[in-house]
Protein backbone atom coordinates (compact mmCIF):
# COMPACT_ATOMS: atom_id res chain seq x y z
CA MET A 1 -64.66 10.63 -49.72
CA LYS A 2 -63.82 8.04 -52.49
CA ARG A 3 -63.16 10.80 -55.02
CA GLU A 4 -60.85 12.61 -52.54
CA LYS A 5 -58.89 9.21 -52.17
CA GLU A 6 -58.56 9.02 -55.77
CA ASP A 7 -57.38 12.22 -56.36
CA LYS A 8 -54.72 11.84 -53.60
CA VAL A 9 -53.53 8.59 -55.31
CA LYS A 10 -53.32 10.37 -58.57
CA LYS A 11 -51.28 13.23 -57.12
CA TYR A 12 -48.87 10.83 -55.21
CA LYS A 13 -48.33 9.10 -58.78
CA ILE A 14 -47.13 12.41 -60.15
CA LEU A 15 -44.99 13.27 -57.24
CA ASN A 16 -43.47 10.25 -57.22
CA LYS A 17 -41.64 11.03 -60.35
CA TYR A 18 -39.68 13.56 -58.74
CA ALA A 19 -38.79 11.75 -55.68
CA LYS A 20 -35.43 10.28 -54.90
CA LYS A 21 -35.38 6.33 -54.74
CA GLY A 22 -34.07 4.41 -51.72
CA GLN A 23 -35.30 6.87 -49.08
CA THR A 24 -37.97 6.14 -46.25
CA VAL A 25 -41.51 6.11 -46.83
CA LEU A 26 -44.80 6.38 -44.57
CA SER A 27 -47.63 4.54 -45.81
CA GLY A 28 -51.18 4.24 -44.19
CA SER A 29 -54.33 6.15 -43.37
CA SER A 30 -55.01 9.54 -41.78
CA LEU A 31 -52.57 8.44 -38.83
CA MET A 32 -50.04 8.72 -41.23
CA GLU A 33 -51.00 11.54 -43.51
CA TYR A 34 -51.39 13.71 -40.80
CA PHE A 35 -48.25 13.17 -39.26
CA PRO A 36 -46.02 16.61 -39.78
CA VAL A 37 -42.90 14.55 -39.93
CA ASN A 38 -40.89 16.64 -42.41
CA GLU A 39 -41.93 19.90 -40.17
CA LEU A 40 -41.23 18.18 -36.95
CA GLN A 41 -37.92 16.37 -38.04
CA GLN A 42 -36.26 19.88 -38.64
CA THR A 43 -35.65 20.15 -34.88
CA LEU A 44 -33.44 16.66 -34.91
CA ALA A 45 -29.58 17.03 -35.22
CA LYS A 46 -30.05 13.87 -38.03
CA GLN A 47 -32.50 14.44 -40.72
CA THR A 48 -33.75 12.09 -43.19
CA VAL A 49 -35.50 11.92 -46.65
CA ILE A 50 -39.09 11.07 -45.93
CA TYR A 51 -42.25 10.73 -48.01
CA ASN A 52 -45.55 10.60 -46.39
CA ARG A 53 -47.67 8.61 -48.53
CA GLY A 54 -50.55 8.28 -46.11
CA ILE A 55 -54.36 8.78 -47.30
CA ALA A 56 -57.09 9.62 -44.71
CA GLY A 57 -59.99 7.25 -44.57
CA TYR A 58 -57.94 4.33 -46.23
CA VAL A 59 -58.57 0.82 -44.97
CA THR A 60 -56.30 -2.15 -45.67
CA SER A 61 -58.15 -3.16 -48.98
CA GLU A 62 -57.69 0.29 -50.29
CA LEU A 63 -53.96 0.35 -49.61
CA LEU A 64 -53.43 -3.28 -51.10
CA SER A 65 -55.13 -1.72 -54.23
CA SER A 66 -52.74 1.24 -54.55
CA LEU A 67 -49.36 -0.31 -53.06
CA GLU A 68 -47.58 0.86 -56.52
CA GLU A 69 -48.36 4.72 -55.71
CA CYS A 70 -48.07 4.54 -52.13
CA ILE A 71 -45.07 2.34 -51.79
CA PHE A 72 -43.37 0.62 -54.50
CA GLU A 73 -43.03 3.59 -57.06
CA LEU A 74 -40.62 5.03 -54.47
CA GLU A 75 -38.47 1.77 -54.04
CA PRO A 76 -37.79 2.94 -50.40
CA ALA A 77 -34.75 1.39 -48.25
CA LYS A 78 -37.16 1.99 -45.14
CA LEU A 79 -40.93 1.78 -45.12
CA PHE A 80 -42.91 2.62 -42.00
CA ILE A 81 -46.71 1.42 -42.28
CA ASN A 82 -49.63 1.93 -40.17
CA ILE A 83 -52.86 0.58 -41.72
CA GLY A 84 -55.94 -0.90 -40.28
CA THR A 85 -57.59 1.59 -37.62
CA ASN A 86 -60.20 2.48 -40.24
CA ASP A 87 -61.16 -1.30 -40.53
CA ILE A 88 -61.37 -1.69 -37.07
CA SER A 89 -63.76 1.68 -36.70
CA SER A 90 -65.62 0.71 -40.06
CA ALA A 91 -68.62 2.90 -40.99
CA ASP A 92 -71.14 0.19 -40.84
CA GLY A 93 -69.97 -0.66 -37.26
CA GLU A 94 -69.09 -4.22 -38.50
CA TYR A 95 -65.48 -5.03 -37.48
CA ASP A 96 -64.20 -8.30 -38.91
CA PRO A 97 -60.57 -9.02 -37.56
CA ALA A 98 -60.03 -11.73 -40.10
CA ARG A 99 -60.57 -9.78 -42.70
CA LEU A 100 -58.01 -7.06 -41.37
CA LEU A 101 -55.47 -9.42 -40.82
CA ALA A 102 -55.99 -11.15 -44.24
CA ASN A 103 -55.49 -7.95 -46.22
CA TYR A 104 -52.72 -7.03 -44.16
CA ASN A 105 -51.00 -10.05 -44.62
CA GLU A 106 -51.71 -9.75 -48.26
CA ILE A 107 -49.87 -6.35 -47.98
CA LEU A 108 -46.90 -7.37 -46.36
CA THR A 109 -46.72 -10.44 -48.80
CA GLN A 110 -46.24 -8.10 -51.91
CA ILE A 111 -43.99 -5.78 -50.05
CA GLY A 112 -41.66 -8.87 -49.53
CA VAL A 113 -41.75 -9.99 -53.07
CA ARG A 114 -41.59 -6.53 -54.43
CA LEU A 115 -38.96 -4.96 -51.96
CA PRO A 116 -36.96 -7.74 -50.85
CA GLU A 117 -34.30 -5.39 -49.41
CA CYS A 118 -36.36 -2.88 -47.57
CA LYS A 119 -36.36 -2.66 -44.08
CA VAL A 120 -40.05 -2.78 -42.93
CA TYR A 121 -41.50 -1.35 -39.44
CA VAL A 122 -45.09 -2.50 -38.74
CA MET A 123 -46.28 0.24 -36.46
CA ALA A 124 -48.40 -0.66 -33.27
CA TYR A 125 -51.88 1.38 -33.32
CA TYR A 126 -52.16 4.59 -31.39
CA PRO A 127 -54.54 4.68 -28.43
CA VAL A 128 -57.88 6.48 -28.48
CA ASN A 129 -59.58 8.66 -25.95
CA ALA A 130 -63.23 7.96 -25.71
CA GLN A 131 -63.85 9.78 -22.54
CA ALA A 132 -62.82 13.56 -22.97
CA ASP A 133 -65.12 15.95 -24.42
CA PHE A 134 -64.39 17.35 -27.74
CA ALA A 135 -65.95 20.29 -29.75
CA GLY A 136 -68.62 19.24 -32.17
CA MET A 137 -68.90 15.85 -31.00
CA ASP A 138 -72.06 15.06 -28.77
CA GLN A 139 -72.63 11.74 -27.04
CA ALA A 140 -74.51 9.98 -29.81
CA ALA A 141 -71.72 10.95 -32.22
CA LYS A 142 -68.93 9.47 -29.83
CA GLU A 143 -70.67 6.35 -29.13
CA SER A 144 -70.76 5.86 -32.89
CA TYR A 145 -67.18 7.01 -33.32
CA PHE A 146 -65.85 4.51 -30.66
CA ARG A 147 -68.42 1.85 -31.26
CA THR A 148 -65.61 -0.80 -32.29
CA ARG A 149 -62.76 1.51 -32.24
CA THR A 150 -61.85 1.02 -28.35
CA ASN A 151 -58.40 0.72 -26.87
CA ALA A 152 -59.10 -3.05 -26.02
CA ALA A 153 -59.89 -3.68 -29.69
CA LEU A 154 -56.63 -1.48 -30.72
CA LEU A 155 -54.51 -3.83 -28.27
CA GLU A 156 -55.79 -6.92 -29.37
CA ALA A 157 -55.15 -5.87 -33.09
CA ASN A 158 -51.81 -4.87 -31.99
CA ALA A 159 -50.92 -8.54 -30.56
CA GLU A 160 -52.40 -10.03 -33.86
CA VAL A 161 -50.24 -7.58 -36.21
CA GLU A 162 -47.06 -8.13 -34.13
CA LYS A 163 -47.41 -11.79 -34.67
CA LEU A 164 -48.04 -10.98 -38.49
CA ALA A 165 -44.89 -8.74 -38.89
CA ALA A 166 -42.99 -11.52 -37.19
CA GLN A 167 -44.07 -14.27 -39.74
CA HIS A 168 -42.78 -12.21 -42.36
CA GLY A 169 -39.73 -11.11 -40.68
CA TYR A 170 -40.45 -7.58 -40.06
CA ALA A 171 -40.03 -5.38 -37.06
CA PHE A 172 -42.97 -4.50 -34.98
CA ILE A 173 -42.60 -1.26 -33.36
CA ASN A 174 -44.52 0.25 -30.51
CA VAL A 175 -43.74 4.18 -30.24
CA ASN A 176 -46.51 5.04 -28.02
CA GLU A 177 -44.80 5.43 -24.98
CA GLY A 178 -45.71 9.00 -23.59
CA LEU A 179 -49.15 9.32 -25.33
CA MET A 180 -51.09 7.98 -22.91
CA ASP A 181 -52.76 9.30 -19.53
CA PRO A 182 -52.56 6.94 -16.39
CA GLU A 183 -55.94 5.14 -17.69
CA GLY A 184 -54.32 4.41 -21.09
CA ASN A 185 -56.13 6.73 -23.10
CA LEU A 186 -54.63 9.03 -25.62
CA LYS A 187 -54.06 11.84 -23.57
CA GLU A 188 -56.52 14.81 -24.23
CA GLU A 189 -53.95 17.54 -25.06
CA TYR A 190 -52.74 15.58 -27.98
CA THR A 191 -55.91 15.30 -29.66
CA MET A 192 -58.67 17.16 -31.42
CA ASP A 193 -61.26 14.20 -31.60
CA GLY A 194 -59.81 11.19 -29.43
CA VAL A 195 -58.15 9.76 -32.44
CA HIS A 196 -56.51 12.19 -34.81
CA MET A 197 -53.46 13.99 -33.08
CA TYR A 198 -52.05 17.67 -33.13
CA ALA A 199 -48.32 18.31 -33.73
CA ASN A 200 -47.55 17.89 -30.07
CA GLY A 201 -48.77 14.39 -29.92
CA TYR A 202 -46.60 13.47 -33.37
CA ALA A 203 -43.63 15.12 -31.70
CA VAL A 204 -43.53 12.24 -28.87
CA VAL A 205 -43.99 9.69 -31.71
CA LEU A 206 -41.10 11.23 -33.94
CA ASN A 207 -38.89 11.25 -30.71
CA ASN A 208 -39.62 7.28 -30.06
CA LEU A 209 -38.91 6.94 -33.65
CA GLN A 210 -35.59 8.50 -33.89
CA GLU A 211 -33.71 5.05 -33.35
CA TYR A 212 -35.35 3.32 -36.14
CA LEU A 213 -35.16 6.56 -38.90
């Protein structure tokens, strides 16, 4: 997994040389990387040049160490960032909210220094679904997967990240309307494993994002 992440950073660094500066960038973990935004936006009347620099498995400390490749080299005019859910669902089962916020604060601080004119949109974390049954995921795997990554924890993190965004003068946006069932879980038809979404889920997100693009 570490090698895969390093390879993606290298690929992005090479790809960035061919990118147009001053466009829109998406940055974060798999919830960003798997967003098929450029395909989905073909249905929109207004289309935007968007570079997706998400990396699956990334935690805040990893994005902090690759801000050059994932953000700064592109010199974006607009930046959408969604990072931290892997901190919440850490592999060792130990979630440290203070560490998440400290790293996120440093990320936003560096963005403010390097990209003072950039419009930054800090995105709310998407809901999860720990109730439905998904292929290849037994009860033990489900309990491990959702031990700390719960909707309650995500809502708490959203509240703290919203405060953090405000401290930096950035917009906090919640584009989750339409993603949830009546119980507040990510709709089963939108997700393959209770966390990661199919294109139909991302289509809802893109529709909610339109006013910001």
